[in-house]
């Protein structure tokens, strides 16, 4: 039986990178690209050669619309789904939590219902380390494990945790074949300027200071989008049913460190080019991923050195 993989949110930063990497590698797979084309989803993120590929089909669809989603499943012989689509920016979730609940929970439920009803195979859900909550700054020895209890704090992370748990519930209740990956902060080309690294690069380019929340002491683990997507594909193709894996970069950096690195790469004096603004409500202190299970079970670990990846990212945005 031929394989037809539905990819949701593929015009988004991470999803488009996935498409550009894997469609050429697997010409025998039919790839259905479903995207709502919101502000963060741009078809231009997808390489022209990919858009012209015979095994690639684009469908504009909002996953909140169950009738539209069902029509996609009725039209194409979908065998599997990799679910990237999500509202993803924490600040936006604070301003409009309802949109995040509708997209990340109801939208995920719509896909799951169709996947179940049409007898499809694997459903892979792209989750986030933010579903775990946060960690203390003074305990660098503690990291999130794949079985750390979920304790989200923002409307965004709560909506992602809701989708995460729905996928697990469909596995338990309906026998749905699922896998889940929870990743740390992504960086790399094509990311929307609302995110810290591209926003900071854009500000420096336009002669404005980088704006950092609070004191800049919050810590995030960073993974290059290539490493993330290679991990997603490995889990999707090799992991056993009903398994959950963490995908981290082993690059814990404070927001201050990120800003300083960007200033140095763009030949700016950090003292003059970094300013601090009122902290985000409920700002999580630290994220840190333990991905040893992913390495032990599947042989996957990040390959891209953060400083090198960041330098290449800056070059992509500035040239």
C-alpha atoms as a PDB file:
ATOM      1  CA  UNK A   1       0.000   0.000   0.000  1.00  0.00           C
ATOM      2  CA  UNK A   2       1.328   3.420  -0.936  1.00  0.00           C
ATOM      3  CA  UNK A   3       1.928   5.967   1.814  1.00  0.00           C
ATOM      4  CA  UNK A   4       0.201   9.352   1.907  1.00  0.00           C
ATOM      5  CA  UNK A   5       1.302  11.564   4.787  1.00  0.00           C
ATOM      6  CA  UNK A   6      -0.766  14.541   5.885  1.00  0.00           C
ATOM      7  CA  UNK A   7       1.425  17.323   7.254  1.00  0.00           C
ATOM      8  CA  UNK A   8      -0.400  20.101   9.080  1.00  0.00           C
ATOM      9  CA  UNK A   9       1.171  23.533   9.459  1.00  0.00           C
ATOM     10  CA  UNK A  10       3.800  22.912   6.832  1.00  0.00           C
ATOM     11  CA  UNK A  11       4.027  26.529   5.728  1.00  0.00           C
ATOM     12  CA  UNK A  12       5.058  27.411   9.268  1.00  0.00           C
ATOM     13  CA  UNK A  13       8.778  27.663  10.117  1.00  0.00           C
ATOM     14  CA  UNK A  14       9.383  24.141  11.460  1.00  0.00           C
ATOM     15  CA  UNK A  15       6.962  22.409   9.113  1.00  0.00           C
ATOM     16  CA  UNK A  16       8.306  24.055   5.966  1.00  0.00           C
ATOM     17  CA  UNK A  17      11.828  23.052   6.939  1.00  0.00           C
ATOM     18  CA  UNK A  18      10.579  19.476   7.343  1.00  0.00           C
ATOM     19  CA  UNK A  19       8.969  19.516   3.887  1.00  0.00           C
ATOM     20  CA  UNK A  20      12.045  20.952   2.201  1.00  0.00           C
ATOM     21  CA  UNK A  21      14.196  18.214   3.759  1.00  0.00           C
ATOM     22  CA  UNK A  22      12.049  15.130   3.318  1.00  0.00           C
ATOM     23  CA  UNK A  23       9.911  15.465   0.184  1.00  0.00           C
ATOM     24  CA  UNK A  24      12.959  15.120  -2.125  1.00  0.00           C
ATOM     25  CA  UNK A  25      14.275  12.183  -0.096  1.00  0.00           C
ATOM     26  CA  UNK A  26      11.047  10.195  -0.376  1.00  0.00           C
ATOM     27  CA  UNK A  27       9.553  10.663  -3.858  1.00  0.00           C
ATOM     28  CA  UNK A  28       7.412   7.526  -3.465  1.00  0.00           C
ATOM     29  CA  UNK A  29       5.463   9.140  -0.599  1.00  0.00           C
ATOM     30  CA  UNK A  30       2.577  11.493  -1.409  1.00  0.00           C
ATOM     31  CA  UNK A  31       2.779  14.539   0.850  1.00  0.00           C
ATOM     32  CA  UNK A  32      -0.409  16.482   1.584  1.00  0.00           C
ATOM     33  CA  UNK A  33       0.432  19.922   2.961  1.00  0.00           C
ATOM     34  CA  UNK A  34      -2.479  21.318   4.985  1.00  0.00           C
ATOM     35  CA  UNK A  35      -2.077  24.881   6.233  1.00  0.00           C
ATOM     36  CA  UNK A  36      -4.395  27.779   7.139  1.00  0.00           C
ATOM     37  CA  UNK A  37      -1.819  30.349   5.929  1.00  0.00           C
ATOM     38  CA  UNK A  38      -2.035  32.575   8.993  1.00  0.00           C
ATOM     39  CA  UNK A  39       0.474  35.409   9.517  1.00  0.00           C
ATOM     40  CA  UNK A  40       3.179  32.854  10.479  1.00  0.00           C
ATOM     41  CA  UNK A  41       2.571  30.496   7.549  1.00  0.00           C
ATOM     42  CA  UNK A  42       4.009  31.512   4.199  1.00  0.00           C
ATOM     43  CA  UNK A  43       4.034  29.369   1.071  1.00  0.00           C
ATOM     44  CA  UNK A  44       7.272  31.085   0.088  1.00  0.00           C
ATOM     45  CA  UNK A  45       8.919  29.181   2.961  1.00  0.00           C
ATOM     46  CA  UNK A  46       8.522  26.081   0.790  1.00  0.00           C
ATOM     47  CA  UNK A  47      11.138  25.767  -1.938  1.00  0.00           C
ATOM     48  CA  UNK A  48       9.837  26.257  -5.496  1.00  0.00           C
ATOM     49  CA  UNK A  49      11.090  22.814  -6.570  1.00  0.00           C
ATOM     50  CA  UNK A  50       9.063  21.239  -3.770  1.00  0.00           C
ATOM     51  CA  UNK A  51       5.922  23.108  -4.756  1.00  0.00           C
ATOM     52  CA  UNK A  52       6.281  21.746  -8.298  1.00  0.00           C
ATOM     53  CA  UNK A  53       6.933  18.163  -7.177  1.00  0.00           C
ATOM     54  CA  UNK A  54       4.408  15.611  -8.400  1.00  0.00           C
ATOM     55  CA  UNK A  55       4.265  14.008  -4.959  1.00  0.00           C
ATOM     56  CA  UNK A  56       3.378  17.288  -3.192  1.00  0.00           C
ATOM     57  CA  UNK A  57      -0.158  18.696  -2.812  1.00  0.00           C
ATOM     58  CA  UNK A  58      -1.059  21.906  -0.973  1.00  0.00           C
ATOM     59  CA  UNK A  59      -4.479  22.341   0.641  1.00  0.00           C
ATOM     60  CA  UNK A  60      -5.451  25.545   2.423  1.00  0.00           C
ATOM     61  CA  UNK A  61      -7.503  24.496   5.428  1.00  0.00           C
ATOM     62  CA  UNK A  62      -8.140  25.643   8.991  1.00  0.00           C
ATOM     63  CA  UNK A  63      -8.033  22.653  11.342  1.00  0.00           C
ATOM     64  CA  UNK A  64     -10.684  24.321  13.516  1.00  0.00           C
ATOM     65  CA  UNK A  65     -13.190  23.600  10.721  1.00  0.00           C
ATOM     66  CA  UNK A  66     -14.153  19.933  11.111  1.00  0.00           C
ATOM     67  CA  UNK A  67     -16.027  19.849   7.797  1.00  0.00           C
ATOM     68  CA  UNK A  68     -12.993  21.164   5.935  1.00  0.00           C
ATOM     69  CA  UNK A  69     -10.695  18.676   7.667  1.00  0.00           C
ATOM     70  CA  UNK A  70     -13.056  15.794   6.935  1.00  0.00           C
ATOM     71  CA  UNK A  71     -13.159  16.786   3.273  1.00  0.00           C
ATOM     72  CA  UNK A  72      -9.363  16.489   3.114  1.00  0.00           C
ATOM     73  CA  UNK A  73      -9.556  12.953   4.515  1.00  0.00           C
ATOM     74  CA  UNK A  74     -12.348  12.106   2.074  1.00  0.00           C
ATOM     75  CA  UNK A  75     -10.396  13.465  -0.907  1.00  0.00           C
ATOM     76  CA  UNK A  76      -6.981  11.910  -0.300  1.00  0.00           C
ATOM     77  CA  UNK A  77      -6.009   8.357   0.786  1.00  0.00           C
ATOM     78  CA  UNK A  78      -4.221   9.556   3.925  1.00  0.00           C
ATOM     79  CA  UNK A  79      -2.316   6.839   5.756  1.00  0.00           C
ATOM     80  CA  UNK A  80      -0.450   8.892   8.378  1.00  0.00           C
ATOM     81  CA  UNK A  81      -0.316  12.375   9.897  1.00  0.00           C
ATOM     82  CA  UNK A  82       2.469  14.520  11.331  1.00  0.00           C
ATOM     83  CA  UNK A  83       0.747  17.339  13.172  1.00  0.00           C
ATOM     84  CA  UNK A  84       2.846  20.530  13.301  1.00  0.00           C
ATOM     85  CA  UNK A  85      -0.010  23.053  13.091  1.00  0.00           C
ATOM     86  CA  UNK A  86      -0.438  25.255  16.156  1.00  0.00           C
ATOM     87  CA  UNK A  87      -0.736  28.754  17.449  1.00  0.00           C
ATOM     88  CA  UNK A  88       2.626  28.993  19.149  1.00  0.00           C
ATOM     89  CA  UNK A  89       3.551  32.412  20.524  1.00  0.00           C
ATOM     90  CA  UNK A  90       3.158  32.794  24.305  1.00  0.00           C
ATOM     91  CA  UNK A  91       2.581  36.556  24.166  1.00  0.00           C
ATOM     92  CA  UNK A  92      -0.235  36.077  21.662  1.00  0.00           C
ATOM     93  CA  UNK A  93      -1.800  33.394  23.846  1.00  0.00           C
ATOM     94  CA  UNK A  94      -1.932  35.841  26.751  1.00  0.00           C
ATOM     95  CA  UNK A  95      -3.754  38.360  24.556  1.00  0.00           C
ATOM     96  CA  UNK A  96      -6.129  35.869  22.917  1.00  0.00           C
ATOM     97  CA  UNK A  97      -6.263  32.534  24.759  1.00  0.00           C
ATOM     98  CA  UNK A  98      -9.466  31.416  23.020  1.00  0.00           C
ATOM     99  CA  UNK A  99      -7.758  31.210  19.626  1.00  0.00           C
ATOM    100  CA  UNK A 100      -5.085  28.942  21.098  1.00  0.00           C
ATOM    101  CA  UNK A 101      -7.647  26.655  22.721  1.00  0.00           C
ATOM    102  CA  UNK A 102      -9.625  26.397  19.487  1.00  0.00           C
ATOM    103  CA  UNK A 103      -6.610  25.672  17.271  1.00  0.00           C
ATOM    104  CA  UNK A 104      -4.423  23.578  19.543  1.00  0.00           C
ATOM    105  CA  UNK A 105      -7.115  21.518  21.269  1.00  0.00           C
ATOM    106  CA  UNK A 106     -10.250  21.539  19.090  1.00  0.00           C
ATOM    107  CA  UNK A 107      -8.158  21.493  15.906  1.00  0.00           C
ATOM    108  CA  UNK A 108      -6.182  18.522  17.188  1.00  0.00           C
ATOM    109  CA  UNK A 109      -9.419  16.744  18.139  1.00  0.00           C
ATOM    110  CA  UNK A 110     -10.768  17.290  14.617  1.00  0.00           C
ATOM    111  CA  UNK A 111      -7.698  15.661  13.110  1.00  0.00           C
ATOM    112  CA  UNK A 112      -7.791  12.790  15.588  1.00  0.00           C
ATOM    113  CA  UNK A 113     -11.460  12.100  14.888  1.00  0.00           C
ATOM    114  CA  UNK A 114     -10.863  11.964  11.139  1.00  0.00           C
ATOM    115  CA  UNK A 115      -7.724   9.880  11.570  1.00  0.00           C
ATOM    116  CA  UNK A 116      -9.734   7.394  13.649  1.00  0.00           C
ATOM    117  CA  UNK A 117     -12.835   7.395  11.452  1.00  0.00           C
ATOM    118  CA  UNK A 118     -10.882   6.811   8.230  1.00  0.00           C
ATOM    119  CA  UNK A 119      -8.794   3.989   9.699  1.00  0.00           C
ATOM    120  CA  UNK A 120      -5.442   5.736   9.262  1.00  0.00           C
ATOM    121  CA  UNK A 121      -2.190   4.532  10.761  1.00  0.00           C
ATOM    122  CA  UNK A 122       0.346   6.612  12.689  1.00  0.00           C
ATOM    123  CA  UNK A 123      -0.436  10.039  14.156  1.00  0.00           C
ATOM    124  CA  UNK A 124       2.600  12.014  15.297  1.00  0.00           C
ATOM    125  CA  UNK A 125       2.010  15.032  17.523  1.00  0.00           C
ATOM    126  CA  UNK A 126       4.557  17.853  17.786  1.00  0.00           C
ATOM    127  CA  UNK A 127       4.457  18.969  21.409  1.00  0.00           C
ATOM    128  CA  UNK A 128       6.741  21.251  23.414  1.00  0.00           C
ATOM    129  CA  UNK A 129       8.848  21.241  26.574  1.00  0.00           C
ATOM    130  CA  UNK A 130       6.589  24.019  27.867  1.00  0.00           C
ATOM    131  CA  UNK A 131       3.937  21.432  28.768  1.00  0.00           C
ATOM    132  CA  UNK A 132       6.160  20.414  31.694  1.00  0.00           C
ATOM    133  CA  UNK A 133       6.028  23.862  33.329  1.00  0.00           C
ATOM    134  CA  UNK A 134       9.353  25.309  34.442  1.00  0.00           C
ATOM    135  CA  UNK A 135      12.402  24.506  36.541  1.00  0.00           C
ATOM    136  CA  UNK A 136      14.253  26.486  39.246  1.00  0.00           C
ATOM    137  CA  UNK A 137      17.207  28.550  38.111  1.00  0.00           C
ATOM    138  CA  UNK A 138      19.366  27.317  40.996  1.00  0.00           C
ATOM    139  CA  UNK A 139      19.042  23.593  40.187  1.00  0.00           C
ATOM    140  CA  UNK A 140      20.976  22.975  36.942  1.00  0.00           C
ATOM    141  CA  UNK A 141      21.035  19.258  37.764  1.00  0.00           C
ATOM    142  CA  UNK A 142      17.273  18.930  37.141  1.00  0.00           C
ATOM    143  CA  UNK A 143      15.865  18.470  33.639  1.00  0.00           C
ATOM    144  CA  UNK A 144      12.532  17.488  32.122  1.00  0.00           C
ATOM    145  CA  UNK A 145      12.195  13.737  31.543  1.00  0.00           C
ATOM    146  CA  UNK A 146       9.722  12.237  29.075  1.00  0.00           C
ATOM    147  CA  UNK A 147       7.588  11.103  32.025  1.00  0.00           C
ATOM    148  CA  UNK A 148       7.771  14.375  34.000  1.00  0.00           C
ATOM    149  CA  UNK A 149       4.170  15.276  34.963  1.00  0.00           C
ATOM    150  CA  UNK A 150       2.611  17.967  32.776  1.00  0.00           C
ATOM    151  CA  UNK A 151       2.211  21.284  34.585  1.00  0.00           C
ATOM    152  CA  UNK A 152       1.783  24.058  31.984  1.00  0.00           C
ATOM    153  CA  UNK A 153       1.595  27.711  33.028  1.00  0.00           C
ATOM    154  CA  UNK A 154       0.623  29.834  30.009  1.00  0.00           C
ATOM    155  CA  UNK A 155      -2.482  29.635  27.810  1.00  0.00           C
ATOM    156  CA  UNK A 156      -0.182  28.471  24.999  1.00  0.00           C
ATOM    157  CA  UNK A 157       1.472  25.649  26.926  1.00  0.00           C
ATOM    158  CA  UNK A 158      -1.865  24.633  28.430  1.00  0.00           C
ATOM    159  CA  UNK A 159      -3.409  24.356  24.965  1.00  0.00           C
ATOM    160  CA  UNK A 160      -0.456  22.258  23.766  1.00  0.00           C
ATOM    161  CA  UNK A 161      -0.710  20.034  26.836  1.00  0.00           C
ATOM    162  CA  UNK A 162      -4.416  19.617  26.070  1.00  0.00           C
ATOM    163  CA  UNK A 163      -3.617  18.414  22.560  1.00  0.00           C
ATOM    164  CA  UNK A 164      -0.834  16.200  23.904  1.00  0.00           C
ATOM    165  CA  UNK A 165      -3.173  14.504  26.372  1.00  0.00           C
ATOM    166  CA  UNK A 166      -5.936  14.144  23.767  1.00  0.00           C
ATOM    167  CA  UNK A 167      -3.565  12.179  21.554  1.00  0.00           C
ATOM    168  CA  UNK A 168      -2.720   9.877  24.455  1.00  0.00           C
ATOM    169  CA  UNK A 169      -6.405   9.480  25.303  1.00  0.00           C
ATOM    170  CA  UNK A 170      -7.234   8.455  21.721  1.00  0.00           C
ATOM    171  CA  UNK A 171      -4.479   5.866  21.929  1.00  0.00           C
ATOM    172  CA  UNK A 172      -5.887   4.419  25.130  1.00  0.00           C
ATOM    173  CA  UNK A 173      -9.564   4.670  24.185  1.00  0.00           C
ATOM    174  CA  UNK A 174      -9.571   3.918  20.451  1.00  0.00           C
ATOM    175  CA  UNK A 175      -6.266   2.121  19.955  1.00  0.00           C
ATOM    176  CA  UNK A 176      -4.930   4.972  17.795  1.00  0.00           C
ATOM    177  CA  UNK A 177      -1.295   4.457  16.812  1.00  0.00           C
ATOM    178  CA  UNK A 178       0.458   7.622  18.014  1.00  0.00           C
ATOM    179  CA  UNK A 179       3.883   9.008  18.828  1.00  0.00           C
ATOM    180  CA  UNK A 180       4.669  12.323  20.528  1.00  0.00           C
ATOM    181  CA  UNK A 181       7.796  14.475  20.507  1.00  0.00           C
ATOM    182  CA  UNK A 182       8.363  17.306  22.965  1.00  0.00           C
ATOM    183  CA  UNK A 183      11.026  19.725  21.784  1.00  0.00           C
ATOM    184  CA  UNK A 184      12.938  22.649  23.218  1.00  0.00           C
ATOM    185  CA  UNK A 185      13.091  26.132  21.633  1.00  0.00           C
ATOM    186  CA  UNK A 186      13.737  26.015  17.888  1.00  0.00           C
ATOM    187  CA  UNK A 187      15.923  28.411  15.896  1.00  0.00           C
ATOM    188  CA  UNK A 188      17.071  28.633  12.294  1.00  0.00           C
ATOM    189  CA  UNK A 189      16.079  30.120   8.901  1.00  0.00           C
ATOM    190  CA  UNK A 190      12.511  31.181   8.018  1.00  0.00           C
ATOM    191  CA  UNK A 191      11.319  31.682  11.606  1.00  0.00           C
ATOM    192  CA  UNK A 192       8.706  34.397  12.074  1.00  0.00           C
ATOM    193  CA  UNK A 193      10.026  37.667  13.506  1.00  0.00           C
ATOM    194  CA  UNK A 194       7.808  37.382  16.585  1.00  0.00           C
ATOM    195  CA  UNK A 195      10.320  34.903  18.064  1.00  0.00           C
ATOM    196  CA  UNK A 196      13.299  36.009  20.169  1.00  0.00           C
ATOM    197  CA  UNK A 197      16.199  35.317  17.801  1.00  0.00           C
ATOM    198  CA  UNK A 198      14.759  36.638  14.495  1.00  0.00           C
ATOM    199  CA  UNK A 199      13.100  39.557  16.320  1.00  0.00           C
ATOM    200  CA  UNK A 200      16.399  40.524  17.907  1.00  0.00           C
ATOM    201  CA  UNK A 201      18.245  40.250  14.591  1.00  0.00           C
ATOM    202  CA  UNK A 202      15.586  42.419  12.933  1.00  0.00           C
ATOM    203  CA  UNK A 203      15.826  45.065  15.654  1.00  0.00           C
ATOM    204  CA  UNK A 204      19.602  45.265  15.399  1.00  0.00           C
ATOM    205  CA  UNK A 205      19.386  45.483  11.608  1.00  0.00           C
ATOM    206  CA  UNK A 206      17.008  48.437  11.857  1.00  0.00           C
ATOM    207  CA  UNK A 207      19.182  50.255  14.383  1.00  0.00           C
ATOM    208  CA  UNK A 208      17.035  49.436  17.425  1.00  0.00           C
ATOM    209  CA  UNK A 209      17.950  47.823  20.717  1.00  0.00           C
ATOM    210  CA  UNK A 210      17.168  44.199  21.536  1.00  0.00           C
ATOM    211  CA  UNK A 211      14.314  44.093  24.055  1.00  0.00           C
ATOM    212  CA  UNK A 212      14.639  41.505  26.823  1.00  0.00           C
ATOM    213  CA  UNK A 213      11.941  40.641  29.349  1.00  0.00           C
ATOM    214  CA  UNK A 214      12.653  41.265  33.037  1.00  0.00           C
ATOM    215  CA  UNK A 215      16.286  40.780  33.993  1.00  0.00           C
ATOM    216  CA  UNK A 216      17.054  38.427  31.123  1.00  0.00           C
ATOM    217  CA  UNK A 217      17.846  35.540  33.461  1.00  0.00           C
ATOM    218  CA  UNK A 218      15.241  33.135  32.082  1.00  0.00           C
ATOM    219  CA  UNK A 219      16.852  30.016  30.605  1.00  0.00           C
ATOM    220  CA  UNK A 220      15.846  28.121  27.469  1.00  0.00           C
ATOM    221  CA  UNK A 221      17.318  25.076  25.775  1.00  0.00           C
ATOM    222  CA  UNK A 222      17.805  25.656  22.031  1.00  0.00           C
ATOM    223  CA  UNK A 223      17.657  23.107  19.212  1.00  0.00           C
ATOM    224  CA  UNK A 224      18.313  23.831  15.545  1.00  0.00           C
ATOM    225  CA  UNK A 225      15.279  23.204  13.358  1.00  0.00           C
ATOM    226  CA  UNK A 226      17.246  20.634  11.300  1.00  0.00           C
ATOM    227  CA  UNK A 227      18.068  18.624  14.421  1.00  0.00           C
ATOM    228  CA  UNK A 228      14.455  18.866  15.563  1.00  0.00           C
ATOM    229  CA  UNK A 229      13.031  17.613  12.287  1.00  0.00           C
ATOM    230  CA  UNK A 230      15.535  14.792  11.963  1.00  0.00           C
ATOM    231  CA  UNK A 231      14.387  13.731  15.422  1.00  0.00           C
ATOM    232  CA  UNK A 232      10.725  13.959  14.422  1.00  0.00           C
ATOM    233  CA  UNK A 233      11.281  11.757  11.371  1.00  0.00           C
ATOM    234  CA  UNK A 234      13.232   9.218  13.409  1.00  0.00           C
ATOM    235  CA  UNK A 235      10.464   8.984  15.997  1.00  0.00           C
ATOM    236  CA  UNK A 236       7.723   8.854  13.356  1.00  0.00           C
ATOM    237  CA  UNK A 237       9.411   6.047  11.412  1.00  0.00           C
ATOM    238  CA  UNK A 238      11.104   4.021  14.148  1.00  0.00           C
ATOM    239  CA  UNK A 239       9.491   4.542  17.559  1.00  0.00           C
ATOM    240  CA  UNK A 240       7.013   2.009  18.966  1.00  0.00           C
ATOM    241  CA  UNK A 241       3.333   2.890  19.214  1.00  0.00           C
ATOM    242  CA  UNK A 242       2.204   5.039  22.139  1.00  0.00           C
ATOM    243  CA  UNK A 243       5.680   6.379  22.878  1.00  0.00           C
ATOM    244  CA  UNK A 244       6.814   9.847  23.911  1.00  0.00           C
ATOM    245  CA  UNK A 245      10.281  11.290  23.342  1.00  0.00           C
ATOM    246  CA  UNK A 246      12.044  14.531  24.204  1.00  0.00           C
ATOM    247  CA  UNK A 247      14.072  16.399  21.577  1.00  0.00           C
ATOM    248  CA  UNK A 248      16.543  18.810  23.159  1.00  0.00           C
ATOM    249  CA  UNK A 249      19.616  20.642  21.941  1.00  0.00           C
ATOM    250  CA  UNK A 250      21.768  20.547  25.084  1.00  0.00           C
ATOM    251  CA  UNK A 251      22.137  24.329  24.730  1.00  0.00           C
ATOM    252  CA  UNK A 252      20.824  26.051  27.838  1.00  0.00           C
ATOM    253  CA  UNK A 253      21.223  29.793  27.484  1.00  0.00           C
ATOM    254  CA  UNK A 254      19.831  32.754  29.382  1.00  0.00           C
ATOM    255  CA  UNK A 255      18.047  35.357  27.308  1.00  0.00           C
ATOM    256  CA  UNK A 256      20.920  37.689  28.207  1.00  0.00           C
ATOM    257  CA  UNK A 257      23.408  35.242  26.677  1.00  0.00           C
ATOM    258  CA  UNK A 258      21.371  34.978  23.475  1.00  0.00           C
ATOM    259  CA  UNK A 259      21.208  38.774  23.158  1.00  0.00           C
ATOM    260  CA  UNK A 260      24.941  39.144  23.789  1.00  0.00           C
ATOM    261  CA  UNK A 261      25.826  36.451  21.241  1.00  0.00           C
ATOM    262  CA  UNK A 262      23.676  38.157  18.617  1.00  0.00           C
ATOM    263  CA  UNK A 263      25.257  41.519  19.348  1.00  0.00           C
ATOM    264  CA  UNK A 264      28.743  40.084  18.908  1.00  0.00           C
ATOM    265  CA  UNK A 265      27.789  38.328  15.666  1.00  0.00           C
ATOM    266  CA  UNK A 266      26.353  41.587  14.325  1.00  0.00           C
ATOM    267  CA  UNK A 267      29.301  43.639  15.599  1.00  0.00           C
ATOM    268  CA  UNK A 268      27.340  45.608  18.176  1.00  0.00           C
ATOM    269  CA  UNK A 269      28.365  46.477  21.727  1.00  0.00           C
ATOM    270  CA  UNK A 270      25.913  44.647  24.040  1.00  0.00           C
ATOM    271  CA  UNK A 271      26.061  47.470  26.565  1.00  0.00           C
ATOM    272  CA  UNK A 272      24.560  49.861  24.012  1.00  0.00           C
ATOM    273  CA  UNK A 273      22.239  47.511  22.158  1.00  0.00           C
ATOM    274  CA  UNK A 274      20.317  45.613  24.858  1.00  0.00           C
ATOM    275  CA  UNK A 275      17.457  47.078  26.870  1.00  0.00           C
ATOM    276  CA  UNK A 276      15.073  45.534  29.386  1.00  0.00           C
ATOM    277  CA  UNK A 277      11.279  45.753  29.383  1.00  0.00           C
ATOM    278  CA  UNK A 278       8.504  44.752  31.775  1.00  0.00           C
ATOM    279  CA  UNK A 279       8.503  40.996  32.258  1.00  0.00           C
ATOM    280  CA  UNK A 280       5.934  38.733  30.619  1.00  0.00           C
ATOM    281  CA  UNK A 281       3.090  37.696  32.984  1.00  0.00           C
ATOM    282  CA  UNK A 282       3.809  34.271  34.482  1.00  0.00           C
ATOM    283  CA  UNK A 283       7.155  34.041  32.677  1.00  0.00           C
ATOM    284  CA  UNK A 284       8.612  30.526  33.064  1.00  0.00           C
ATOM    285  CA  UNK A 285      12.069  30.539  34.606  1.00  0.00           C
ATOM    286  CA  UNK A 286      13.924  27.663  32.988  1.00  0.00           C
ATOM    287  CA  UNK A 287      13.403  24.868  30.465  1.00  0.00           C
ATOM    288  CA  UNK A 288      15.892  22.012  30.171  1.00  0.00           C
ATOM    289  CA  UNK A 289      15.372  18.777  28.238  1.00  0.00           C
ATOM    290  CA  UNK A 290      16.732  15.341  29.116  1.00  0.00           C
ATOM    291  CA  UNK A 291      16.702  13.501  25.786  1.00  0.00           C
ATOM    292  CA  UNK A 292      18.759  10.469  26.883  1.00  0.00           C
ATOM    293  CA  UNK A 293      15.828   8.103  26.177  1.00  0.00           C
ATOM    294  CA  UNK A 294      15.732   9.334  22.564  1.00  0.00           C
ATOM    295  CA  UNK A 295      19.455   8.652  22.190  1.00  0.00           C
ATOM    296  CA  UNK A 296      19.312   5.260  23.899  1.00  0.00           C
ATOM    297  CA  UNK A 297      16.226   3.966  22.067  1.00  0.00           C
ATOM    298  CA  UNK A 298      16.610   5.578  18.651  1.00  0.00           C
ATOM    299  CA  UNK A 299      20.209   6.747  18.383  1.00  0.00           C
ATOM    300  CA  UNK A 300      19.193  10.386  17.902  1.00  0.00           C
ATOM    301  CA  UNK A 301      21.004  13.366  19.370  1.00  0.00           C
ATOM    302  CA  UNK A 302      21.595  16.911  18.122  1.00  0.00           C
ATOM    303  CA  UNK A 303      24.456  17.412  15.681  1.00  0.00           C
ATOM    304  CA  UNK A 304      24.562  21.173  15.110  1.00  0.00           C
ATOM    305  CA  UNK A 305      26.766  23.182  17.484  1.00  0.00           C
ATOM    306  CA  UNK A 306      24.699  26.095  18.768  1.00  0.00           C
ATOM    307  CA  UNK A 307      27.238  28.862  18.172  1.00  0.00           C
ATOM    308  CA  UNK A 308      27.779  27.683  14.579  1.00  0.00           C
ATOM    309  CA  UNK A 309      24.054  27.297  13.976  1.00  0.00           C
ATOM    310  CA  UNK A 310      23.375  30.754  15.374  1.00  0.00           C
ATOM    311  CA  UNK A 311      26.072  32.298  13.185  1.00  0.00           C
ATOM    312  CA  UNK A 312      24.539  30.691  10.077  1.00  0.00           C
ATOM    313  CA  UNK A 313      21.078  31.838  11.155  1.00  0.00           C
ATOM    314  CA  UNK A 314      22.254  35.444  11.473  1.00  0.00           C
ATOM    315  CA  UNK A 315      23.826  35.231   7.990  1.00  0.00           C
ATOM    316  CA  UNK A 316      20.554  33.908   6.547  1.00  0.00           C
ATOM    317  CA  UNK A 317      18.591  36.876   7.918  1.00  0.00           C
ATOM    318  CA  UNK A 318      21.149  39.535   7.099  1.00  0.00           C
ATOM    319  CA  UNK A 319      22.304  38.583   3.577  1.00  0.00           C
END
